[in-house]
């Protein structure tokens, strides 16, 4: 019999424009868990840097990751968190807070990410920073507890894939093109 574990700690991750917030909402609703938007925990100085088109450094992200780790621990019944989690060490910082943490990696090409970010005016993250996210991104696909999905697929399909994965079932649909080859479209 398949089941979703009673306590789920899930990070929906990827570059800007991949759909973290949208898929995070679907996952949180399906699992009956709170949703935490990682962007809500950035310091004012980080937000100002991003709005000014300045990429965050590892040092800028450290306090933010510490806050996110504290938030994960504040929800012993489980939680869904949206967070770019671009480098393995960032993901490892979050894993240190919650050892059974799982990640859903929304994969898409740099061109598609730029299109999506450009389509959401007023967001704190400008199109000019998309390339820096791809430069920072360390593909997590080979890490334990990571599901890679194609961010260009319909949201309902992605929700089914995540549910299948959490139940230990094979994931039905193909994954996205490699982020290391941004010219390849699925």
C-alpha atoms as a PDB file:
ATOM      1  CA  UNK A   1       0.000   0.000   0.000  1.00  0.00           C
ATOM      2  CA  UNK A   2       1.380   3.392  -0.992  1.00  0.00           C
ATOM      3  CA  UNK A   3       1.244   6.348   1.326  1.00  0.00           C
ATOM      4  CA  UNK A   4       2.721   9.767   1.795  1.00  0.00           C
ATOM      5  CA  UNK A   5       4.918   9.815   4.896  1.00  0.00           C
ATOM      6  CA  UNK A   6       3.128  11.383   7.860  1.00  0.00           C
ATOM      7  CA  UNK A   7       5.818  14.015   8.291  1.00  0.00           C
ATOM      8  CA  UNK A   8       7.152  15.625   5.132  1.00  0.00           C
ATOM      9  CA  UNK A   9       9.775  18.330   4.929  1.00  0.00           C
ATOM     10  CA  UNK A  10       9.991  19.468   1.319  1.00  0.00           C
ATOM     11  CA  UNK A  11      11.950  22.207  -0.437  1.00  0.00           C
ATOM     12  CA  UNK A  12      10.772  23.264  -3.891  1.00  0.00           C
ATOM     13  CA  UNK A  13      13.939  24.624  -5.477  1.00  0.00           C
ATOM     14  CA  UNK A  14      15.421  26.078  -8.635  1.00  0.00           C
ATOM     15  CA  UNK A  15      16.408  29.296 -10.336  1.00  0.00           C
ATOM     16  CA  UNK A  16      14.225  32.397 -10.488  1.00  0.00           C
ATOM     17  CA  UNK A  17      11.211  31.912 -12.719  1.00  0.00           C
ATOM     18  CA  UNK A  18      11.092  28.123 -12.485  1.00  0.00           C
ATOM     19  CA  UNK A  19       7.747  28.056 -10.653  1.00  0.00           C
ATOM     20  CA  UNK A  20       8.761  27.414  -7.055  1.00  0.00           C
ATOM     21  CA  UNK A  21       5.879  29.378  -5.555  1.00  0.00           C
ATOM     22  CA  UNK A  22       3.256  27.795  -7.796  1.00  0.00           C
ATOM     23  CA  UNK A  23       4.404  24.218  -7.224  1.00  0.00           C
ATOM     24  CA  UNK A  24       4.984  24.946  -3.535  1.00  0.00           C
ATOM     25  CA  UNK A  25       1.330  25.964  -3.196  1.00  0.00           C
ATOM     26  CA  UNK A  26       0.184  22.760  -4.914  1.00  0.00           C
ATOM     27  CA  UNK A  27       2.396  20.577  -2.712  1.00  0.00           C
ATOM     28  CA  UNK A  28       1.433  22.329   0.521  1.00  0.00           C
ATOM     29  CA  UNK A  29      -2.279  22.038  -0.297  1.00  0.00           C
ATOM     30  CA  UNK A  30      -1.972  18.350  -1.241  1.00  0.00           C
ATOM     31  CA  UNK A  31       0.009  17.510   1.885  1.00  0.00           C
ATOM     32  CA  UNK A  32      -1.990  19.744   4.222  1.00  0.00           C
ATOM     33  CA  UNK A  33       1.199  21.503   5.281  1.00  0.00           C
ATOM     34  CA  UNK A  34       2.160  25.144   5.767  1.00  0.00           C
ATOM     35  CA  UNK A  35       3.988  26.862   2.913  1.00  0.00           C
ATOM     36  CA  UNK A  36       6.959  29.097   3.602  1.00  0.00           C
ATOM     37  CA  UNK A  37       8.149  31.396   0.821  1.00  0.00           C
ATOM     38  CA  UNK A  38      11.925  31.587   1.106  1.00  0.00           C
ATOM     39  CA  UNK A  39      11.990  35.079  -0.396  1.00  0.00           C
ATOM     40  CA  UNK A  40      10.029  36.353   2.616  1.00  0.00           C
ATOM     41  CA  UNK A  41      13.052  35.676   4.834  1.00  0.00           C
ATOM     42  CA  UNK A  42      15.637  37.725   2.931  1.00  0.00           C
ATOM     43  CA  UNK A  43      17.084  40.686   4.799  1.00  0.00           C
ATOM     44  CA  UNK A  44      16.271  44.188   3.602  1.00  0.00           C
ATOM     45  CA  UNK A  45      19.850  44.542   2.348  1.00  0.00           C
ATOM     46  CA  UNK A  46      19.543  41.336   0.279  1.00  0.00           C
ATOM     47  CA  UNK A  47      16.258  42.536  -1.215  1.00  0.00           C
ATOM     48  CA  UNK A  48      17.798  45.924  -2.053  1.00  0.00           C
ATOM     49  CA  UNK A  49      20.785  44.248  -3.714  1.00  0.00           C
ATOM     50  CA  UNK A  50      18.580  42.036  -5.862  1.00  0.00           C
ATOM     51  CA  UNK A  51      16.265  44.879  -6.842  1.00  0.00           C
ATOM     52  CA  UNK A  52      19.369  46.842  -7.845  1.00  0.00           C
ATOM     53  CA  UNK A  53      20.526  43.980 -10.075  1.00  0.00           C
ATOM     54  CA  UNK A  54      23.351  42.863  -7.781  1.00  0.00           C
ATOM     55  CA  UNK A  55      23.726  39.096  -7.371  1.00  0.00           C
ATOM     56  CA  UNK A  56      23.884  37.798  -3.814  1.00  0.00           C
ATOM     57  CA  UNK A  57      27.160  36.350  -2.577  1.00  0.00           C
ATOM     58  CA  UNK A  58      27.545  33.232  -0.465  1.00  0.00           C
ATOM     59  CA  UNK A  59      27.999  35.529   2.545  1.00  0.00           C
ATOM     60  CA  UNK A  60      24.744  37.337   1.718  1.00  0.00           C
ATOM     61  CA  UNK A  61      22.919  34.022   1.560  1.00  0.00           C
ATOM     62  CA  UNK A  62      24.332  32.566   4.797  1.00  0.00           C
ATOM     63  CA  UNK A  63      22.106  34.486   7.228  1.00  0.00           C
ATOM     64  CA  UNK A  64      19.125  33.808   4.960  1.00  0.00           C
ATOM     65  CA  UNK A  65      19.858  30.066   4.930  1.00  0.00           C
ATOM     66  CA  UNK A  66      20.235  30.099   8.718  1.00  0.00           C
ATOM     67  CA  UNK A  67      16.786  31.721   9.001  1.00  0.00           C
ATOM     68  CA  UNK A  68      15.319  29.109   6.654  1.00  0.00           C
ATOM     69  CA  UNK A  69      16.908  26.289   8.652  1.00  0.00           C
ATOM     70  CA  UNK A  70      15.370  27.723  11.826  1.00  0.00           C
ATOM     71  CA  UNK A  71      11.992  27.915  10.091  1.00  0.00           C
ATOM     72  CA  UNK A  72      12.187  24.269   9.004  1.00  0.00           C
ATOM     73  CA  UNK A  73      12.857  23.251  12.598  1.00  0.00           C
ATOM     74  CA  UNK A  74       9.947  25.375  13.832  1.00  0.00           C
ATOM     75  CA  UNK A  75       7.480  23.056  12.049  1.00  0.00           C
ATOM     76  CA  UNK A  76       7.927  19.585  13.594  1.00  0.00           C
ATOM     77  CA  UNK A  77       4.835  18.329  11.750  1.00  0.00           C
ATOM     78  CA  UNK A  78       6.360  19.111   8.362  1.00  0.00           C
ATOM     79  CA  UNK A  79       6.426  22.067   5.986  1.00  0.00           C
ATOM     80  CA  UNK A  80       6.908  22.997   2.341  1.00  0.00           C
ATOM     81  CA  UNK A  81       9.567  25.646   1.688  1.00  0.00           C
ATOM     82  CA  UNK A  82      10.344  27.464  -1.545  1.00  0.00           C
ATOM     83  CA  UNK A  83      14.028  28.276  -1.838  1.00  0.00           C
ATOM     84  CA  UNK A  84      16.470  28.571  -4.723  1.00  0.00           C
ATOM     85  CA  UNK A  85      18.950  26.273  -2.883  1.00  0.00           C
ATOM     86  CA  UNK A  86      21.354  26.707  -5.791  1.00  0.00           C
ATOM     87  CA  UNK A  87      24.535  25.204  -4.334  1.00  0.00           C
ATOM     88  CA  UNK A  88      24.984  21.846  -2.668  1.00  0.00           C
ATOM     89  CA  UNK A  89      26.353  23.528   0.454  1.00  0.00           C
ATOM     90  CA  UNK A  90      23.134  25.576   0.710  1.00  0.00           C
ATOM     91  CA  UNK A  91      21.085  22.387   0.489  1.00  0.00           C
ATOM     92  CA  UNK A  92      23.393  20.717   3.012  1.00  0.00           C
ATOM     93  CA  UNK A  93      22.840  23.625   5.427  1.00  0.00           C
ATOM     94  CA  UNK A  94      19.093  22.987   5.227  1.00  0.00           C
ATOM     95  CA  UNK A  95      19.589  19.210   5.518  1.00  0.00           C
ATOM     96  CA  UNK A  96      21.574  19.777   8.718  1.00  0.00           C
ATOM     97  CA  UNK A  97      18.436  21.332  10.211  1.00  0.00           C
ATOM     98  CA  UNK A  98      16.110  18.538   9.032  1.00  0.00           C
ATOM     99  CA  UNK A  99      17.918  15.312   8.090  1.00  0.00           C
ATOM    100  CA  UNK A 100      14.961  13.800   6.163  1.00  0.00           C
ATOM    101  CA  UNK A 101      14.577  16.904   4.005  1.00  0.00           C
ATOM    102  CA  UNK A 102      13.591  16.291   0.385  1.00  0.00           C
ATOM    103  CA  UNK A 103      14.032  18.581  -2.592  1.00  0.00           C
ATOM    104  CA  UNK A 104      12.001  18.979  -5.776  1.00  0.00           C
ATOM    105  CA  UNK A 105      14.248  20.590  -8.390  1.00  0.00           C
ATOM    106  CA  UNK A 106      12.341  22.515 -11.053  1.00  0.00           C
ATOM    107  CA  UNK A 107      14.620  22.389 -14.077  1.00  0.00           C
ATOM    108  CA  UNK A 108      14.366  24.689 -17.079  1.00  0.00           C
ATOM    109  CA  UNK A 109      16.593  26.450 -19.570  1.00  0.00           C
ATOM    110  CA  UNK A 110      18.098  29.874 -19.039  1.00  0.00           C
ATOM    111  CA  UNK A 111      16.096  31.306 -21.942  1.00  0.00           C
ATOM    112  CA  UNK A 112      12.826  30.059 -20.464  1.00  0.00           C
ATOM    113  CA  UNK A 113      13.767  31.405 -17.017  1.00  0.00           C
ATOM    114  CA  UNK A 114      14.477  34.836 -18.522  1.00  0.00           C
ATOM    115  CA  UNK A 115      11.104  34.809 -20.310  1.00  0.00           C
ATOM    116  CA  UNK A 116       9.259  33.935 -17.119  1.00  0.00           C
ATOM    117  CA  UNK A 117      11.064  36.486 -14.950  1.00  0.00           C
ATOM    118  CA  UNK A 118      10.440  39.194 -17.568  1.00  0.00           C
ATOM    119  CA  UNK A 119       6.722  38.356 -17.467  1.00  0.00           C
ATOM    120  CA  UNK A 120       6.376  39.202 -13.764  1.00  0.00           C
ATOM    121  CA  UNK A 121       6.966  42.936 -13.375  1.00  0.00           C
ATOM    122  CA  UNK A 122       7.407  44.259  -9.875  1.00  0.00           C
ATOM    123  CA  UNK A 123       9.020  41.091  -8.527  1.00  0.00           C
ATOM    124  CA  UNK A 124      12.158  41.631  -6.457  1.00  0.00           C
ATOM    125  CA  UNK A 125      14.277  39.605  -8.889  1.00  0.00           C
ATOM    126  CA  UNK A 126      15.207  41.302 -12.198  1.00  0.00           C
ATOM    127  CA  UNK A 127      15.890  39.517 -15.502  1.00  0.00           C
ATOM    128  CA  UNK A 128      19.495  40.743 -15.369  1.00  0.00           C
ATOM    129  CA  UNK A 129      20.233  38.315 -12.513  1.00  0.00           C
ATOM    130  CA  UNK A 130      18.984  35.120 -14.176  1.00  0.00           C
ATOM    131  CA  UNK A 131      22.380  34.316 -15.722  1.00  0.00           C
ATOM    132  CA  UNK A 132      24.062  34.595 -12.309  1.00  0.00           C
ATOM    133  CA  UNK A 133      21.661  32.003 -10.915  1.00  0.00           C
ATOM    134  CA  UNK A 134      22.628  29.534 -13.637  1.00  0.00           C
ATOM    135  CA  UNK A 135      26.312  30.261 -12.945  1.00  0.00           C
ATOM    136  CA  UNK A 136      25.737  29.497  -9.253  1.00  0.00           C
ATOM    137  CA  UNK A 137      23.478  26.465  -9.748  1.00  0.00           C
ATOM    138  CA  UNK A 138      24.977  23.077  -8.881  1.00  0.00           C
ATOM    139  CA  UNK A 139      22.624  20.463 -10.342  1.00  0.00           C
ATOM    140  CA  UNK A 140      21.277  18.408  -7.415  1.00  0.00           C
ATOM    141  CA  UNK A 141      19.938  15.530  -9.522  1.00  0.00           C
ATOM    142  CA  UNK A 142      22.497  13.007  -8.248  1.00  0.00           C
ATOM    143  CA  UNK A 143      21.932  13.870  -4.576  1.00  0.00           C
ATOM    144  CA  UNK A 144      19.851  11.642  -2.307  1.00  0.00           C
ATOM    145  CA  UNK A 145      16.317  12.861  -1.682  1.00  0.00           C
ATOM    146  CA  UNK A 146      16.024  14.961  -4.846  1.00  0.00           C
ATOM    147  CA  UNK A 147      13.362  14.743  -7.543  1.00  0.00           C
ATOM    148  CA  UNK A 148      14.131  16.611 -10.761  1.00  0.00           C
ATOM    149  CA  UNK A 149      11.108  17.705 -12.785  1.00  0.00           C
ATOM    150  CA  UNK A 150      10.586  19.648 -15.991  1.00  0.00           C
ATOM    151  CA  UNK A 151       9.432  23.126 -14.957  1.00  0.00           C
ATOM    152  CA  UNK A 152       7.764  23.640 -18.344  1.00  0.00           C
ATOM    153  CA  UNK A 153       5.220  20.869 -17.748  1.00  0.00           C
ATOM    154  CA  UNK A 154       1.694  21.692 -16.546  1.00  0.00           C
ATOM    155  CA  UNK A 155       1.436  22.388 -12.825  1.00  0.00           C
ATOM    156  CA  UNK A 156      -1.104  19.587 -12.271  1.00  0.00           C
ATOM    157  CA  UNK A 157       1.289  17.097 -13.875  1.00  0.00           C
ATOM    158  CA  UNK A 158       4.135  18.275 -11.649  1.00  0.00           C
ATOM    159  CA  UNK A 159       1.919  17.865  -8.594  1.00  0.00           C
ATOM    160  CA  UNK A 160       1.201  14.256  -9.597  1.00  0.00           C
ATOM    161  CA  UNK A 161       4.918  13.591 -10.087  1.00  0.00           C
ATOM    162  CA  UNK A 162       5.731  14.913  -6.615  1.00  0.00           C
ATOM    163  CA  UNK A 163       2.911  12.878  -5.046  1.00  0.00           C
ATOM    164  CA  UNK A 164       4.131   9.711  -6.800  1.00  0.00           C
ATOM    165  CA  UNK A 165       7.674  10.334  -5.634  1.00  0.00           C
ATOM    166  CA  UNK A 166       6.658  10.982  -2.025  1.00  0.00           C
ATOM    167  CA  UNK A 167       4.680   7.715  -2.106  1.00  0.00           C
ATOM    168  CA  UNK A 168       7.724   5.828  -3.360  1.00  0.00           C
ATOM    169  CA  UNK A 169       6.143   5.181  -6.762  1.00  0.00           C
ATOM    170  CA  UNK A 170       7.918   5.562 -10.109  1.00  0.00           C
ATOM    171  CA  UNK A 171       7.542   9.069 -11.500  1.00  0.00           C
ATOM    172  CA  UNK A 172       5.640   8.840 -14.777  1.00  0.00           C
ATOM    173  CA  UNK A 173       6.757  11.797 -16.895  1.00  0.00           C
ATOM    174  CA  UNK A 174      10.184  12.631 -18.358  1.00  0.00           C
ATOM    175  CA  UNK A 175      12.422  15.243 -16.759  1.00  0.00           C
ATOM    176  CA  UNK A 176      13.669  18.473 -18.311  1.00  0.00           C
ATOM    177  CA  UNK A 177      16.633  19.119 -20.511  1.00  0.00           C
ATOM    178  CA  UNK A 178      19.933  19.421 -18.725  1.00  0.00           C
ATOM    179  CA  UNK A 179      20.574  22.811 -17.165  1.00  0.00           C
ATOM    180  CA  UNK A 180      24.165  22.419 -18.315  1.00  0.00           C
ATOM    181  CA  UNK A 181      22.908  22.688 -21.908  1.00  0.00           C
ATOM    182  CA  UNK A 182      20.576  25.692 -21.838  1.00  0.00           C
ATOM    183  CA  UNK A 183      20.035  25.602 -25.608  1.00  0.00           C
ATOM    184  CA  UNK A 184      18.288  22.220 -25.377  1.00  0.00           C
ATOM    185  CA  UNK A 185      14.511  22.520 -25.071  1.00  0.00           C
ATOM    186  CA  UNK A 186      12.146  19.686 -24.273  1.00  0.00           C
END
